[in-house]
Amino acid sequence: MIKLPQPKTNSRDLFTPMLQAIIHRLILGAVNLNIFDELDEPVTADEVARKKGFHGGNTEALLNCLCAAKMVTKKNRRFQNSPLAAEYLRCGKETYLGGFLQRSHQVMLQYLDDMEELVKNGPASQPNRKNFSEGEFWADYAEDMAAYAASGQARLIAEQVAGLPEFPKMKKMLDLGAGPGMMALAITQAHPDMKAVVLDQPEVVEVSAKIIEKYEMQDRVQTLGRDYCQEDIGEGYDLVLASCTLNFFRDRMHRILGKIYDSINPGGVFVSFHDGIRAEGTEPNELIISMSSMLFSGETYNFREDELASAMLEAGFRSVRSRNFDTPMGELELVVARK
């Protein structure tokens, strides 16, 4: 008799990621079809299908799958958005993340279909490669980034900044490479009178200005349309914030940090939130997995842990402290440098 194998690990760990990938695809499909917009109140699958002009049976199949994924609820054959879907997947909400999920899906998965060839032969020239230095790309992305920030990221960063001992006495801040400017808005709203400059490329700050106006913060937050790699960034700041932006310019870091240092008042603070790869390139888990497509393509936009902190000290900052910080999309490195 030959005994059956006695596994020491649980094969479920191989199937769970596959199920998570299916759930992600179901959510994206429902977002693309605007299904969640029809589920504010309990409705049947037939009612949704008739209104949308969809196939009745497959509409119910999708809704049942979304129920199994905890995105919708079902009672007496009627479906309704779960609290999570109602907050983040309903078009028109300030916290709507459908567009952000779609765009993140494109960026994170753009090279994985060619993964085997890339592993065997290495990265090749990519004709459709995203140019992360182009203002047009970030302007197109800005509104989706604003929704992600509104869903919790901006508040989390504002809480970290507001906890600095220097914060109560700060008068002026710069949000560098600010995108939609949501971080500056959250931080100034947490302070009684501090004013902010939102700096990004001209195409991007056109979007930022509309968002600032939306939140009625024009009297305290202004925009500055410039390429901070090439142009002056201003001066007299008590706080400079860089949120997931400096990693795109690692080859020019010495010059950029010099500009930042010169722009800050004595006793001022520079705060950067960014990825920080550690454990020989294997952690943080969410970051490594989410950036795998870019890693295979040869694009290196990631800081090593403490890489930026060391560069800040070389730039002249008198003290630098770093720690890890949890966000909705995973762990980032938070570095605080004082002049």
Protein backbone atom coordinates (compact mmCIF):
# COMPACT_ATOMS: atom_id res chain seq x y z
CA MET A 1 0.00 0.00 0.00
CA ILE A 2 1.24 3.48 -0.90
CA LYS A 3 -0.03 6.09 1.52
CA LEU A 4 -1.67 9.26 0.27
CA PRO A 5 0.29 12.50 0.67
CA GLN A 6 -0.15 14.42 3.91
CA PRO A 7 0.29 18.11 2.96
CA LYS A 8 1.73 20.41 5.59
CA THR A 9 0.29 23.59 4.07
CA ASN A 10 -3.19 24.66 3.01
CA SER A 11 -3.77 24.79 -0.75
CA ARG A 12 -6.59 27.28 -0.13
CA ASP A 13 -3.88 29.95 -0.12
CA LEU A 14 -3.42 29.29 -3.85
CA PHE A 15 -7.10 29.64 -4.68
CA THR A 16 -7.91 32.71 -2.58
CA PRO A 17 -5.89 35.10 -4.81
CA MET A 18 -7.69 33.71 -7.87
CA LEU A 19 -11.05 34.41 -6.24
CA GLN A 20 -9.94 37.94 -5.32
CA ALA A 21 -8.98 38.55 -8.95
CA ILE A 22 -12.45 37.42 -10.03
CA ILE A 23 -14.09 39.72 -7.49
CA HIS A 24 -12.01 42.63 -8.80
CA ARG A 25 -13.15 41.88 -12.35
CA LEU A 26 -16.79 41.63 -11.25
CA ILE A 27 -16.57 45.02 -9.57
CA LEU A 28 -14.93 46.61 -12.63
CA GLY A 29 -17.58 45.10 -14.89
CA ALA A 30 -20.37 46.45 -12.71
CA VAL A 31 -18.69 49.87 -12.66
CA ASN A 32 -18.36 49.87 -16.45
CA LEU A 33 -22.06 48.98 -16.74
CA ASN A 34 -23.09 51.56 -14.10
CA ILE A 35 -24.88 48.80 -12.20
CA PHE A 36 -24.35 50.37 -8.78
CA ASP A 37 -26.17 53.52 -9.91
CA GLU A 38 -29.39 51.47 -10.12
CA LEU A 39 -29.20 49.98 -6.64
CA ASP A 40 -29.89 52.91 -4.31
CA GLU A 41 -33.20 51.27 -3.42
CA PRO A 42 -34.10 47.55 -3.46
CA VAL A 43 -34.83 46.41 -7.03
CA THR A 44 -35.15 43.09 -8.82
CA ALA A 45 -32.71 41.93 -11.46
CA ASP A 46 -35.50 42.13 -14.06
CA GLU A 47 -36.13 45.78 -13.19
CA VAL A 48 -32.44 46.59 -13.62
CA ALA A 49 -32.23 44.65 -16.87
CA ARG A 50 -35.31 46.32 -18.38
CA LYS A 51 -34.11 49.80 -17.45
CA LYS A 52 -30.62 49.21 -18.82
CA GLY A 53 -31.63 47.10 -21.81
CA PHE A 54 -29.52 44.18 -20.59
CA HIS A 55 -30.00 40.42 -20.74
CA GLY A 56 -32.18 39.47 -17.78
CA GLY A 57 -30.54 36.19 -16.84
CA ASN A 58 -26.99 37.49 -16.98
CA THR A 59 -27.93 40.65 -15.12
CA GLU A 60 -29.21 38.48 -12.27
CA ALA A 61 -26.08 36.31 -12.49
CA LEU A 62 -23.87 39.39 -12.09
CA LEU A 63 -25.94 40.71 -9.19
CA ASN A 64 -25.82 37.34 -7.43
CA CYS A 65 -22.04 37.29 -7.82
CA LEU A 66 -21.78 40.82 -6.47
CA CYS A 67 -23.89 39.72 -3.52
CA ALA A 68 -21.53 36.81 -2.88
CA ALA A 69 -18.67 39.34 -2.99
CA LYS A 70 -20.43 41.50 -0.37
CA MET A 71 -20.80 44.42 -2.77
CA VAL A 72 -24.62 44.26 -2.81
CA THR A 73 -27.29 42.75 -0.59
CA LYS A 74 -30.24 40.60 -1.61
CA LYS A 75 -33.55 40.08 0.16
CA ASN A 76 -36.81 38.80 -1.30
CA ARG A 77 -35.20 38.76 -4.76
CA ARG A 78 -34.36 42.47 -4.49
CA PHE A 79 -30.83 43.83 -4.68
CA GLN A 80 -29.38 46.93 -3.06
CA ASN A 81 -25.92 48.47 -2.68
CA SER A 82 -23.92 47.46 0.36
CA PRO A 83 -22.69 50.39 2.50
CA LEU A 84 -19.25 50.01 0.85
CA ALA A 85 -20.63 50.17 -2.69
CA ALA A 86 -23.00 53.02 -1.80
CA GLU A 87 -20.09 55.12 -0.56
CA TYR A 88 -17.42 54.35 -3.15
CA LEU A 89 -19.05 52.89 -6.28
CA ARG A 90 -22.04 55.16 -6.80
CA CYS A 91 -21.45 57.74 -9.55
CA GLY A 92 -21.82 61.31 -8.39
CA LYS A 93 -20.54 60.75 -4.86
CA GLU A 94 -17.48 62.78 -3.82
CA THR A 95 -15.90 59.51 -2.75
CA TYR A 96 -16.70 57.64 -6.00
CA LEU A 97 -13.73 55.38 -6.76
CA GLY A 98 -14.93 53.69 -9.94
CA GLY A 99 -12.73 55.79 -12.20
CA PHE A 100 -9.75 55.42 -9.89
CA LEU A 101 -10.17 51.63 -9.86
CA GLN A 102 -10.40 51.52 -13.65
CA ARG A 103 -7.27 53.62 -14.12
CA SER A 104 -5.33 51.76 -11.45
CA HIS A 105 -6.27 48.49 -13.13
CA GLN A 106 -4.80 49.75 -16.42
CA VAL A 107 -1.56 50.98 -14.84
CA MET A 108 -0.99 48.01 -12.53
CA LEU A 109 -1.73 45.32 -15.11
CA GLN A 110 -0.44 46.91 -18.30
CA TYR A 111 2.54 44.54 -18.76
CA LEU A 112 1.40 41.40 -16.95
CA ASP A 113 -0.06 39.81 -20.08
CA ASP A 114 3.50 39.73 -21.41
CA MET A 115 5.06 38.66 -18.11
CA GLU A 116 6.49 35.36 -19.32
CA GLU A 117 8.19 37.00 -22.29
CA LEU A 118 9.49 39.84 -20.13
CA VAL A 119 10.98 37.38 -17.63
CA LYS A 120 12.63 35.36 -20.40
CA ASN A 121 13.88 38.23 -22.55
CA GLY A 122 13.87 41.30 -20.36
CA PRO A 123 12.10 44.63 -20.90
CA ALA A 124 11.81 45.95 -24.40
CA SER A 125 10.81 49.30 -25.79
CA GLN A 126 7.14 49.84 -24.95
CA PRO A 127 5.35 52.00 -27.58
CA ASN A 128 2.37 52.59 -25.28
CA ARG A 129 4.38 53.24 -22.15
CA LYS A 130 2.99 55.93 -19.87
CA ASN A 131 5.16 59.05 -19.61
CA PHE A 132 4.90 60.01 -15.95
CA SER A 133 6.52 63.39 -16.53
CA GLU A 134 3.79 64.63 -18.89
CA GLY A 135 1.31 67.11 -17.48
CA GLU A 136 -1.42 65.82 -19.76
CA PHE A 137 -1.25 62.35 -18.17
CA TRP A 138 -1.59 63.73 -14.63
CA ALA A 139 -4.28 66.24 -15.56
CA ASP A 140 -6.36 63.38 -16.94
CA TYR A 141 -5.74 61.44 -13.72
CA ALA A 142 -6.34 64.35 -11.30
CA GLU A 143 -10.10 64.01 -10.78
CA ASP A 144 -9.79 60.29 -10.07
CA MET A 145 -6.96 61.02 -7.63
CA ALA A 146 -9.16 63.64 -5.95
CA ALA A 147 -11.84 61.02 -5.32
CA TYR A 148 -9.27 58.62 -3.84
CA ALA A 149 -7.95 61.38 -1.59
CA ALA A 150 -11.50 62.29 -0.52
CA SER A 151 -12.18 58.65 0.35
CA GLY A 152 -9.77 58.85 3.27
CA GLN A 153 -6.18 59.38 2.12
CA ALA A 154 -6.22 63.17 2.48
CA ARG A 155 -7.63 63.00 6.01
CA LEU A 156 -5.02 60.44 7.06
CA ILE A 157 -2.15 62.58 5.79
CA ALA A 158 -3.60 65.74 7.33
CA GLU A 159 -3.76 63.96 10.69
CA GLN A 160 -0.08 63.05 10.44
CA VAL A 161 0.94 66.59 9.55
CA ALA A 162 -1.31 68.16 12.19
CA GLY A 163 0.44 66.01 14.78
CA LEU A 164 3.78 67.74 14.18
CA PRO A 165 4.79 69.98 17.11
CA GLU A 166 5.53 72.83 14.68
CA PHE A 167 2.07 72.68 13.08
CA PRO A 168 0.21 75.25 15.22
CA LYS A 169 2.71 77.99 14.34
CA MET A 170 2.88 77.28 10.61
CA LYS A 171 1.71 80.06 8.30
CA LYS A 172 2.43 78.90 4.75
CA MET A 173 2.80 75.51 3.08
CA LEU A 174 3.68 74.17 -0.34
CA ASP A 175 2.04 71.04 -1.74
CA LEU A 176 4.68 69.97 -4.28
CA GLY A 177 3.54 67.92 -7.26
CA ALA A 178 0.12 68.28 -5.70
CA GLY A 179 -2.11 66.76 -8.37
CA PRO A 180 -5.67 67.76 -7.46
CA GLY A 181 -4.49 69.58 -4.32
CA MET A 182 -6.56 67.54 -1.89
CA MET A 183 -3.73 67.14 0.61
CA ALA A 184 -3.26 70.90 0.82
CA LEU A 185 -7.00 71.36 1.29
CA ALA A 186 -7.17 68.81 4.10
CA ILE A 187 -4.14 70.26 5.88
CA THR A 188 -5.27 73.89 5.66
CA GLN A 189 -8.75 72.91 6.86
CA ALA A 190 -7.06 71.36 9.92
CA HIS A 191 -5.31 74.67 10.70
CA PRO A 192 -7.01 77.91 11.72
CA ASP A 193 -5.23 80.25 9.31
CA MET A 194 -2.39 78.61 7.37
CA LYS A 195 -2.32 79.29 3.65
CA ALA A 196 -1.16 76.90 0.93
CA VAL A 197 0.34 76.88 -2.54
CA VAL A 198 -0.62 73.95 -4.78
CA LEU A 199 2.18 73.46 -7.33
CA ASP A 200 2.04 71.17 -10.33
CA GLN A 201 2.27 71.38 -14.09
CA PRO A 202 -0.04 73.96 -15.72
CA GLU A 203 -2.41 71.35 -17.16
CA VAL A 204 -2.83 69.79 -13.73
CA VAL A 205 -3.46 72.95 -11.69
CA GLU A 206 -6.32 73.84 -14.03
CA VAL A 207 -8.07 70.84 -12.46
CA SER A 208 -6.77 71.74 -8.99
CA ALA A 209 -8.26 75.24 -9.24
CA LYS A 210 -11.72 73.82 -9.91
CA ILE A 211 -11.44 71.50 -6.91
CA ILE A 212 -10.25 74.33 -4.66
CA GLU A 213 -13.23 76.41 -5.79
CA LYS A 214 -15.56 73.46 -5.17
CA TYR A 215 -14.48 73.38 -1.53
CA GLU A 216 -14.62 77.21 -1.28
CA MET A 217 -10.97 77.50 -0.26
CA GLN A 218 -9.79 80.08 -2.81
CA ASP A 219 -8.97 82.61 -0.07
CA ARG A 220 -6.41 80.25 1.52
CA VAL A 221 -5.20 77.96 -1.25
CA GLN A 222 -3.68 79.19 -4.52
CA THR A 223 -2.28 77.31 -7.50
CA LEU A 224 1.10 77.64 -9.19
CA GLY A 225 1.48 76.01 -12.60
CA ARG A 226 5.14 75.06 -12.96
CA ASP A 227 7.47 72.16 -13.59
CA TYR A 228 9.19 71.90 -10.22
CA CYS A 229 12.11 70.05 -11.76
CA GLN A 230 12.96 72.99 -14.01
CA GLU A 231 11.43 76.11 -12.47
CA ASP A 232 11.42 78.07 -9.22
CA ILE A 233 9.09 76.74 -6.52
CA GLY A 234 8.81 79.86 -4.36
CA GLU A 235 10.06 80.53 -0.85
CA GLY A 236 9.05 81.32 2.71
CA TYR A 237 7.36 78.02 3.43
CA ASP A 238 6.99 76.62 6.93
CA LEU A 239 5.93 73.27 5.48
CA VAL A 240 6.63 71.53 2.19
CA LEU A 241 4.67 68.37 1.46
CA ALA A 242 5.53 65.85 -1.25
CA SER A 243 3.04 63.02 -1.50
CA CYS A 244 4.08 60.15 -3.79
CA THR A 245 5.70 62.46 -6.33
CA LEU A 246 9.49 62.58 -5.81
CA ASN A 247 9.92 58.91 -6.74
CA PHE A 248 9.26 59.81 -10.39
CA PHE A 249 12.39 62.00 -10.43
CA ARG A 250 14.99 59.91 -8.63
CA ASP A 251 17.62 60.81 -11.22
CA ARG A 252 17.29 64.53 -10.29
CA MET A 253 16.86 64.12 -6.54
CA HIS A 254 19.90 66.14 -5.44
CA ARG A 255 18.78 69.22 -7.38
CA ILE A 256 15.12 68.94 -6.30
CA LEU A 257 15.98 68.51 -2.61
CA GLY A 258 18.24 71.55 -2.86
CA LYS A 259 15.32 73.60 -4.15
CA ILE A 260 13.07 72.35 -1.37
CA TYR A 261 15.67 73.11 1.29
CA ASP A 262 16.16 76.66 0.01
CA SER A 263 12.39 77.30 -0.10
CA ILE A 264 11.82 76.44 3.58
CA ASN A 265 12.11 78.93 6.43
CA PRO A 266 14.60 78.16 9.23
CA GLY A 267 12.85 75.77 11.62
CA GLY A 268 10.52 74.65 8.84
CA VAL A 269 9.59 71.09 7.97
CA PHE A 270 9.67 68.95 4.82
CA VAL A 271 7.33 65.94 4.84
CA SER A 272 7.33 63.22 2.20
CA PHE A 273 4.98 60.27 1.84
CA HIS A 274 6.24 57.69 -0.63
CA ASP A 275 6.88 54.02 -1.24
CA GLY A 276 9.82 52.53 0.64
CA ILE A 277 10.91 49.07 -0.49
CA ARG A 278 12.60 46.88 2.11
CA ALA A 279 13.34 43.25 2.99
CA GLU A 280 15.57 42.76 -0.08
CA GLY A 281 12.86 44.00 -2.44
CA THR A 282 10.00 41.86 -1.10
CA GLU A 283 8.07 44.25 1.19
CA PRO A 284 5.71 46.01 1.75
CA ASN A 285 3.58 43.24 0.29
CA GLU A 286 0.86 45.42 -1.26
CA LEU A 287 3.39 47.75 -2.85
CA ILE A 288 5.50 45.02 -4.42
CA ILE A 289 2.45 43.26 -5.83
CA SER A 290 0.79 46.43 -7.11
CA MET A 291 4.01 47.58 -8.82
CA SER A 292 4.88 44.21 -10.34
CA SER A 293 3.87 45.27 -13.85
CA MET A 294 6.27 48.22 -13.78
CA LEU A 295 9.03 46.12 -12.25
CA PHE A 296 8.82 43.67 -15.15
CA SER A 297 8.93 46.55 -17.63
CA GLY A 298 12.17 47.89 -16.17
CA GLU A 299 10.55 51.07 -14.81
CA THR A 300 12.11 51.91 -11.44
CA TYR A 301 9.99 54.51 -9.70
CA ASN A 302 10.37 53.09 -6.20
CA PHE A 303 12.50 54.37 -3.36
CA ARG A 304 14.40 51.92 -1.22
CA GLU A 305 13.63 52.28 2.47
CA ASP A 306 15.60 55.22 3.92
CA GLU A 307 16.90 56.22 0.46
CA LEU A 308 15.14 59.58 0.54
CA ALA A 309 15.92 60.12 4.22
CA SER A 310 19.64 59.77 3.46
CA ALA A 311 19.35 62.18 0.53
CA MET A 312 17.61 64.72 2.78
CA LEU A 313 20.51 64.67 5.22
CA GLU A 314 22.94 65.16 2.34
CA ALA A 315 20.85 68.16 1.22
CA GLY A 316 21.47 69.84 4.57
CA PHE A 317 18.43 69.10 6.72
CA ARG A 318 19.51 69.03 10.36
CA SER A 319 17.35 66.08 11.41
CA VAL A 320 15.41 63.40 9.55
CA ARG A 321 13.01 60.83 10.97
CA SER A 322 11.21 58.09 9.06
CA ARG A 323 8.57 55.50 9.84
CA ASN A 324 6.00 53.36 8.07
CA PHE A 325 2.44 54.52 7.60
CA ASP A 326 -0.69 52.56 6.61
CA THR A 327 -2.96 53.83 3.82
CA PRO A 328 -6.01 52.31 2.05
CA MET A 329 -3.74 51.02 -0.74
CA GLY A 330 -0.99 49.72 1.52
CA GLU A 331 2.01 50.86 3.48
CA LEU A 332 4.00 54.00 2.69
CA GLU A 333 7.12 55.49 4.21
CA LEU A 334 6.67 58.80 6.03
CA VAL A 335 9.79 60.96 6.30
CA VAL A 336 9.95 64.21 8.28
CA ALA A 337 12.98 66.47 7.72
CA ARG A 338 13.64 69.65 9.71
CA LYS A 339 15.70 72.61 8.59
